[in-house]
Amino acid sequence: MKKFLLIGGAVCLVLAASVAAYIAPALSSRSIVEVESEIFIPTGADYDTLLALLGEEGEHITDLARFERVASLKGLSKSVRAGRYILKEGMSAKSVVGMFRGGMQSPVRLTFNNIRTLPQLAGRLAEQIEPDSITLLAHLSSPEVAAKYGFKPEEMIGMFIPNTYEVWWNITPESLTDRMKKEYDNFWNEERVAKLERTRLTQKEVTTLASIICEETRMTDEMPTMAGVYINRLRRGMLLQADPTVKFAIGDFTIRRVLNRHLEVDSPYNTYKYAGLPPSPICMPSIKGIDAVLNYKESSYLYFCAKEDFSGYHNFARTLSEHNQNARRYANALNRAGIR
């Protein structure tokens, strides 16, 4: 009997040693990552997809066999989680598997600015996060989605405050718009809301006016003066006569010279035909553009025209006669430059 016990014990020791020999190397702290890289695991991916993303040995990790042994021991095949993951230099198989298994992904820095339309916004977002542009555009254009946040579809671009945000790569369209509404509400803090009274405009109207100004000039130092001109015209019931609104109405921002025939387009966005602000922003205004409206410069200016030196700045005028002189100088400069 003792003989059999001794034999059985010896077998157990051999098996334990064998298991230990298998597990110990796999769980060692030896690095399997030589160069930092990133892996994007799509939503719904399984373990085989992850292995395919890791590629051949040396592409992301230097010891696939070691990785797979640890993955098997840790049950990674049952818990692959979508996201963006950073494989950092010096990581062991245990730490890599733990990162994937625990869903310890790294956020992406989502940036957008200089956006004119929702399709353009959807495209820019899709370049940086998992949802594709078609899915994002359908979501952003939905009347039901817009209403949830207190907007109309054509106003949604104004809910996105241009900046850089940290988000998960696999963020859903729903979570994205929830986040952007929170950022919008945070942007409209007590200080900015208090300034609305001076402008006599709503938040949405400020955004719309700022969008026009951002299309009129890239010179931030003259934006408050330009905002004052438009506010003066609004309060006097004058047509805004903003060229960018005509370009928006036509659907062509490449026009370098707005002509009389362009002014005939029948659109609520044509501020040469319809009084007041257009129905919604004509682009995603910059933060500086919005703050320029909130901090508009008071003056008696009612007109402005691009300077004839093509510097990007504008000549401001109090009277139509003065403005017409400025306009003639600019028109002559266009003619000399061959811009028709």
Protein backbone atom coordinates (compact mmCIF):
# COMPACT_ATOMS: atom_id res chain seq x y z
CA MET A 1 0.00 0.00 0.00
CA LYS A 2 2.79 2.36 0.98
CA LYS A 3 4.46 1.56 -2.31
CA PHE A 4 1.40 2.70 -4.26
CA LEU A 5 1.14 5.87 -2.17
CA LEU A 6 4.76 6.68 -2.86
CA ILE A 7 4.27 6.09 -6.57
CA GLY A 8 1.09 8.22 -6.61
CA GLY A 9 2.82 11.00 -4.75
CA ALA A 10 5.70 10.91 -7.16
CA VAL A 11 3.32 11.17 -10.12
CA CYS A 12 1.59 14.16 -8.52
CA LEU A 13 4.91 15.84 -8.00
CA VAL A 14 5.88 15.23 -11.61
CA LEU A 15 2.54 16.63 -12.85
CA ALA A 16 2.82 19.64 -10.58
CA ALA A 17 6.32 20.24 -11.80
CA SER A 18 5.14 19.98 -15.39
CA VAL A 19 2.29 22.44 -14.81
CA ALA A 20 4.65 24.78 -13.02
CA ALA A 21 7.09 24.48 -15.88
CA TYR A 22 4.28 25.54 -18.24
CA ILE A 23 2.83 28.33 -16.09
CA ALA A 24 5.94 29.90 -14.62
CA PRO A 25 7.53 31.05 -17.89
CA ALA A 26 4.18 32.29 -19.13
CA LEU A 27 3.56 34.39 -16.02
CA SER A 28 7.09 35.69 -15.76
CA SER A 29 7.75 39.42 -16.00
CA ARG A 30 9.87 39.07 -19.13
CA SER A 31 8.94 41.68 -21.72
CA ILE A 32 7.13 40.70 -24.92
CA VAL A 33 6.83 44.29 -26.19
CA GLU A 34 9.90 45.99 -27.61
CA VAL A 35 8.32 48.97 -29.38
CA GLU A 36 5.23 50.91 -28.29
CA SER A 37 2.24 50.45 -30.60
CA GLU A 38 -1.53 50.66 -30.52
CA ILE A 39 -4.27 48.13 -31.18
CA PHE A 40 -7.87 48.98 -32.08
CA ILE A 41 -10.25 46.16 -31.16
CA PRO A 42 -13.63 46.69 -32.87
CA THR A 43 -16.95 46.22 -31.12
CA GLY A 44 -18.04 42.58 -31.24
CA ALA A 45 -14.52 41.26 -31.88
CA ASP A 46 -13.58 37.83 -30.53
CA TYR A 47 -10.27 36.29 -29.50
CA ASP A 48 -9.45 35.20 -33.04
CA THR A 49 -9.91 38.78 -34.21
CA LEU A 50 -7.54 39.94 -31.50
CA LEU A 51 -4.91 37.43 -32.60
CA ALA A 52 -5.31 38.61 -36.18
CA LEU A 53 -4.86 42.23 -35.06
CA LEU A 54 -1.70 41.31 -33.19
CA GLY A 55 -0.38 39.97 -36.47
CA GLU A 56 2.80 38.02 -36.90
CA GLU A 57 5.37 37.69 -34.17
CA GLY A 58 7.36 40.86 -33.87
CA GLU A 59 4.68 43.10 -35.36
CA HIS A 60 3.28 44.08 -31.96
CA ILE A 61 4.64 41.49 -29.54
CA THR A 62 7.82 39.42 -29.69
CA ASP A 63 6.53 36.15 -28.21
CA LEU A 64 3.08 35.12 -29.43
CA ALA A 65 3.37 31.67 -27.87
CA ARG A 66 3.94 33.16 -24.44
CA PHE A 67 1.05 35.57 -24.95
CA GLU A 68 -1.30 32.74 -25.96
CA ARG A 69 -0.31 30.59 -22.97
CA VAL A 70 -1.14 33.41 -20.57
CA ALA A 71 -4.30 34.25 -22.52
CA SER A 72 -5.42 30.63 -22.13
CA LEU A 73 -4.65 30.60 -18.40
CA LYS A 74 -6.49 33.90 -17.85
CA GLY A 75 -9.52 33.07 -20.00
CA LEU A 76 -9.02 35.97 -22.37
CA SER A 77 -10.94 34.19 -25.13
CA LYS A 78 -14.14 34.74 -23.13
CA SER A 79 -13.65 38.40 -22.33
CA VAL A 80 -12.20 40.35 -25.27
CA ARG A 81 -13.27 43.99 -24.94
CA ALA A 82 -13.40 46.59 -27.67
CA GLY A 83 -11.30 49.74 -27.54
CA ARG A 84 -7.98 51.38 -28.23
CA TYR A 85 -5.08 49.81 -26.38
CA ILE A 86 -1.48 50.95 -26.05
CA LEU A 87 1.16 48.22 -25.96
CA LYS A 88 3.96 49.91 -24.04
CA GLU A 89 7.60 48.98 -24.27
CA GLY A 90 8.61 46.48 -21.59
CA MET A 91 5.14 44.99 -20.96
CA SER A 92 5.06 41.31 -20.03
CA ALA A 93 2.60 38.76 -21.39
CA LYS A 94 0.75 38.87 -18.09
CA SER A 95 0.33 42.65 -18.20
CA VAL A 96 -0.71 42.65 -21.87
CA VAL A 97 -3.34 39.97 -21.32
CA GLY A 98 -4.52 41.72 -18.17
CA MET A 99 -4.92 44.96 -20.08
CA PHE A 100 -7.04 43.35 -22.80
CA ARG A 101 -9.04 41.24 -20.35
CA GLY A 102 -9.74 44.16 -18.03
CA GLY A 103 -10.69 46.51 -20.86
CA MET A 104 -8.02 48.96 -19.73
CA GLN A 105 -8.08 50.94 -22.96
CA SER A 106 -6.52 54.33 -23.60
CA PRO A 107 -8.68 57.27 -24.69
CA VAL A 108 -8.29 59.09 -27.98
CA ARG A 109 -7.97 62.86 -28.28
CA LEU A 110 -10.98 63.88 -30.34
CA THR A 111 -10.42 67.17 -32.14
CA PHE A 112 -12.66 69.11 -34.49
CA ASN A 113 -12.74 72.70 -35.74
CA ASN A 114 -13.22 74.63 -39.00
CA ILE A 115 -16.34 72.57 -39.75
CA ARG A 116 -19.05 73.90 -42.04
CA THR A 117 -21.62 71.10 -42.35
CA LEU A 118 -22.90 68.05 -40.49
CA PRO A 119 -21.57 65.68 -43.19
CA GLN A 120 -18.15 67.25 -42.78
CA LEU A 121 -18.41 66.92 -39.00
CA ALA A 122 -19.45 63.27 -39.26
CA GLY A 123 -16.48 62.60 -41.52
CA ARG A 124 -14.03 64.32 -39.19
CA LEU A 125 -15.34 62.40 -36.17
CA ALA A 126 -15.24 59.07 -38.02
CA GLU A 127 -11.54 59.57 -38.70
CA GLN A 128 -10.90 59.50 -34.96
CA ILE A 129 -13.44 57.14 -33.37
CA GLU A 130 -14.98 53.77 -34.23
CA PRO A 131 -18.48 54.70 -35.56
CA ASP A 132 -18.44 55.36 -39.31
CA SER A 133 -19.48 58.62 -40.94
CA ILE A 134 -22.77 57.25 -42.28
CA THR A 135 -23.86 56.10 -38.81
CA LEU A 136 -22.76 59.37 -37.23
CA LEU A 137 -24.46 61.53 -39.86
CA ALA A 138 -27.73 59.60 -39.52
CA HIS A 139 -27.57 60.13 -35.77
CA LEU A 140 -26.70 63.83 -35.92
CA SER A 141 -29.35 64.50 -38.57
CA SER A 142 -32.16 62.75 -36.68
CA PRO A 143 -34.97 65.12 -35.60
CA GLU A 144 -35.59 62.91 -32.57
CA VAL A 145 -31.95 63.05 -31.49
CA ALA A 146 -31.76 66.82 -32.00
CA ALA A 147 -34.99 67.37 -30.05
CA LYS A 148 -33.60 65.39 -27.13
CA TYR A 149 -30.99 68.10 -26.66
CA GLY A 150 -33.27 71.04 -27.45
CA PHE A 151 -32.12 71.59 -31.02
CA LYS A 152 -33.30 71.16 -34.58
CA PRO A 153 -31.15 69.01 -36.90
CA GLU A 154 -29.82 72.06 -38.75
CA GLU A 155 -28.82 73.58 -35.39
CA MET A 156 -26.90 70.54 -34.11
CA ILE A 157 -23.56 71.75 -35.43
CA GLY A 158 -23.84 74.60 -32.93
CA MET A 159 -23.96 72.14 -30.02
CA PHE A 160 -20.40 71.04 -30.79
CA ILE A 161 -17.91 73.42 -29.20
CA PRO A 162 -14.65 73.09 -31.19
CA ASN A 163 -11.92 71.81 -28.93
CA THR A 164 -9.98 68.66 -28.07
CA TYR A 165 -11.71 66.08 -25.90
CA GLU A 166 -10.63 62.75 -24.45
CA VAL A 167 -13.13 60.00 -25.31
CA TRP A 168 -13.08 56.24 -25.72
CA TRP A 169 -12.38 55.18 -29.30
CA ASN A 170 -15.41 52.87 -29.28
CA ILE A 171 -17.77 55.54 -27.93
CA THR A 172 -21.31 55.19 -29.32
CA PRO A 173 -23.00 58.03 -31.24
CA GLU A 174 -25.47 58.32 -28.35
CA SER A 175 -22.75 58.64 -25.74
CA LEU A 176 -20.87 61.09 -27.94
CA THR A 177 -23.80 63.51 -28.27
CA ASP A 178 -24.52 63.15 -24.54
CA ARG A 179 -20.93 64.18 -23.87
CA MET A 180 -21.03 67.07 -26.32
CA LYS A 181 -24.23 68.43 -24.73
CA LYS A 182 -22.51 68.38 -21.34
CA GLU A 183 -19.54 70.21 -22.85
CA TYR A 184 -21.93 72.73 -24.43
CA ASP A 185 -23.63 73.34 -21.09
CA ASN A 186 -20.27 73.70 -19.36
CA PHE A 187 -19.15 76.16 -22.02
CA TRP A 188 -22.21 78.31 -21.39
CA ASN A 189 -21.16 79.05 -17.84
CA GLU A 190 -22.59 81.80 -15.63
CA GLU A 191 -20.18 84.39 -17.00
CA ARG A 192 -21.14 83.81 -20.62
CA VAL A 193 -24.85 83.54 -19.86
CA ALA A 194 -24.68 86.85 -18.00
CA LYS A 195 -23.31 88.53 -21.14
CA LEU A 196 -26.33 87.49 -23.19
CA GLU A 197 -28.39 90.33 -21.73
CA ARG A 198 -26.06 92.91 -23.24
CA THR A 199 -26.30 91.34 -26.70
CA ARG A 200 -30.10 90.84 -26.47
CA LEU A 201 -29.55 87.53 -28.21
CA THR A 202 -30.16 83.92 -27.18
CA GLN A 203 -27.40 81.33 -26.95
CA LYS A 204 -28.39 79.91 -30.33
CA GLU A 205 -28.51 83.37 -31.91
CA VAL A 206 -25.06 84.17 -30.57
CA THR A 207 -23.79 80.92 -32.10
CA THR A 208 -25.40 81.76 -35.44
CA LEU A 209 -23.99 85.29 -35.52
CA ALA A 210 -20.57 83.96 -34.49
CA SER A 211 -20.70 81.50 -37.39
CA ILE A 212 -21.17 84.37 -39.83
CA ILE A 213 -18.29 86.32 -38.31
CA CYS A 214 -15.99 83.28 -38.45
CA GLU A 215 -16.71 83.01 -42.17
CA GLU A 216 -16.19 86.75 -42.67
CA THR A 217 -12.76 86.98 -41.03
CA ARG A 218 -9.92 84.95 -39.55
CA MET A 219 -8.60 88.06 -37.80
CA THR A 220 -9.69 87.51 -34.22
CA ASP A 221 -8.73 91.02 -33.15
CA GLU A 222 -11.38 92.57 -35.41
CA MET A 223 -14.12 90.06 -34.59
CA PRO A 224 -15.61 92.13 -31.70
CA THR A 225 -15.84 95.18 -33.97
CA MET A 226 -17.50 93.13 -36.70
CA ALA A 227 -19.92 91.66 -34.15
CA GLY A 228 -20.83 95.21 -33.12
CA VAL A 229 -21.63 96.09 -36.73
CA TYR A 230 -24.03 93.20 -37.11
CA ILE A 231 -25.68 93.89 -33.77
CA ASN A 232 -26.16 97.52 -34.80
CA ARG A 233 -27.83 96.39 -38.01
CA LEU A 234 -30.03 93.88 -36.22
CA ARG A 235 -31.24 96.52 -33.78
CA ARG A 236 -32.03 98.92 -36.62
CA GLY A 237 -33.92 96.27 -38.57
CA MET A 238 -31.40 96.45 -41.42
CA LEU A 239 -30.61 93.46 -43.61
CA LEU A 240 -27.36 91.86 -42.49
CA GLN A 241 -26.20 91.46 -46.10
CA ALA A 242 -23.53 88.95 -45.11
CA ASP A 243 -21.79 87.38 -48.09
CA PRO A 244 -21.04 84.08 -46.27
CA THR A 245 -24.76 83.44 -45.84
CA VAL A 246 -25.18 83.69 -49.60
CA LYS A 247 -22.38 81.18 -50.15
CA PHE A 248 -24.07 78.87 -47.64
CA ALA A 249 -27.43 79.28 -49.37
CA ILE A 250 -25.87 78.43 -52.74
CA GLY A 251 -23.86 75.60 -51.21
CA ASP A 252 -20.53 76.81 -52.56
CA PHE A 253 -17.95 78.30 -50.20
CA THR A 254 -15.32 78.40 -52.95
CA ILE A 255 -16.88 81.55 -54.47
CA ARG A 256 -14.26 84.28 -54.21
CA ARG A 257 -16.48 87.12 -55.35
CA VAL A 258 -20.20 87.34 -54.55
CA LEU A 259 -21.98 88.82 -57.58
CA ASN A 260 -25.49 90.23 -58.07
CA ARG A 261 -26.68 86.97 -59.59
CA HIS A 262 -25.66 85.14 -56.42
CA LEU A 263 -27.76 87.52 -54.33
CA GLU A 264 -30.92 86.37 -56.09
CA VAL A 265 -30.92 82.90 -54.52
CA ASP A 266 -34.18 82.42 -52.64
CA SER A 267 -33.21 80.97 -49.29
CA PRO A 268 -33.90 81.90 -45.67
CA TYR A 269 -30.11 81.89 -45.31
CA ASN A 270 -29.74 84.70 -47.86
CA THR A 271 -29.43 87.73 -45.60
CA TYR A 272 -29.61 90.03 -48.62
CA LYS A 273 -33.25 88.95 -49.03
CA TYR A 274 -34.40 88.06 -45.53
CA ALA A 275 -34.06 90.21 -42.42
CA GLY A 276 -32.59 89.02 -39.18
CA LEU A 277 -30.31 86.10 -38.53
CA PRO A 278 -30.47 82.95 -40.67
CA PRO A 279 -32.32 79.94 -39.21
CA SER A 280 -29.16 78.21 -37.94
CA PRO A 281 -25.37 78.48 -37.93
CA ILE A 282 -23.64 78.42 -41.32
CA CYS A 283 -20.62 76.72 -39.78
CA MET A 284 -19.27 75.58 -36.42
CA PRO A 285 -18.08 78.87 -34.93
CA SER A 286 -14.86 79.05 -32.98
CA ILE A 287 -14.79 79.80 -29.27
CA LYS A 288 -13.15 83.13 -30.09
CA GLY A 289 -15.97 83.88 -32.50
CA ILE A 290 -18.63 83.21 -29.87
CA ASP A 291 -16.78 85.27 -27.27
CA ALA A 292 -16.40 88.08 -29.81
CA VAL A 293 -20.18 88.35 -30.04
CA LEU A 294 -20.58 88.20 -26.27
CA ASN A 295 -17.90 90.90 -25.92
CA TYR A 296 -18.84 92.89 -29.01
CA LYS A 297 -17.32 96.34 -29.38
CA GLU A 298 -19.79 99.19 -29.28
CA SER A 299 -19.47 101.65 -32.14
CA SER A 300 -21.52 103.56 -34.68
CA TYR A 301 -20.28 101.38 -37.56
CA LEU A 302 -22.95 99.95 -39.83
CA TYR A 303 -20.81 98.65 -42.68
CA PHE A 304 -17.54 96.92 -43.40
CA CYS A 305 -15.71 95.77 -46.51
CA ALA A 306 -12.56 93.76 -47.05
CA LYS A 307 -9.44 95.87 -47.35
CA GLU A 308 -8.04 96.36 -50.83
CA ASP A 309 -4.61 95.13 -49.71
CA PHE A 310 -6.00 91.58 -49.28
CA SER A 311 -4.56 91.50 -45.78
CA GLY A 312 -7.68 89.80 -44.47
CA TYR A 313 -8.66 92.86 -42.47
CA HIS A 314 -11.67 95.10 -43.13
CA ASN A 315 -12.46 98.78 -43.53
CA PHE A 316 -15.35 99.83 -41.28
CA ALA A 317 -17.74 102.65 -42.13
CA ARG A 318 -20.51 104.64 -40.44
CA THR A 319 -22.27 105.85 -43.58
CA LEU A 320 -23.28 104.23 -46.83
CA SER A 321 -21.30 106.83 -48.77
CA GLU A 322 -18.12 105.96 -46.89
CA HIS A 323 -18.82 102.26 -47.32
CA ASN A 324 -19.34 102.63 -51.07
CA GLN A 325 -15.93 104.26 -51.37
CA ASN A 326 -14.36 101.33 -49.50
CA ALA A 327 -16.28 98.88 -51.67
CA ARG A 328 -15.09 100.54 -54.89
CA ARG A 329 -11.47 100.34 -53.78
CA TYR A 330 -11.87 96.65 -53.00
CA ALA A 331 -13.70 95.95 -56.28
CA ASN A 332 -10.93 97.67 -58.23
CA ALA A 333 -8.36 95.57 -56.40
CA LEU A 334 -10.27 92.42 -57.33
CA ASN A 335 -10.38 93.51 -60.97
CA ARG A 336 -6.65 94.18 -61.01
CA ALA A 337 -6.04 90.74 -59.51
CA GLY A 338 -8.25 89.12 -62.15
CA ILE A 339 -10.74 87.80 -59.61
CA ARG A 340 -14.10 87.68 -61.33
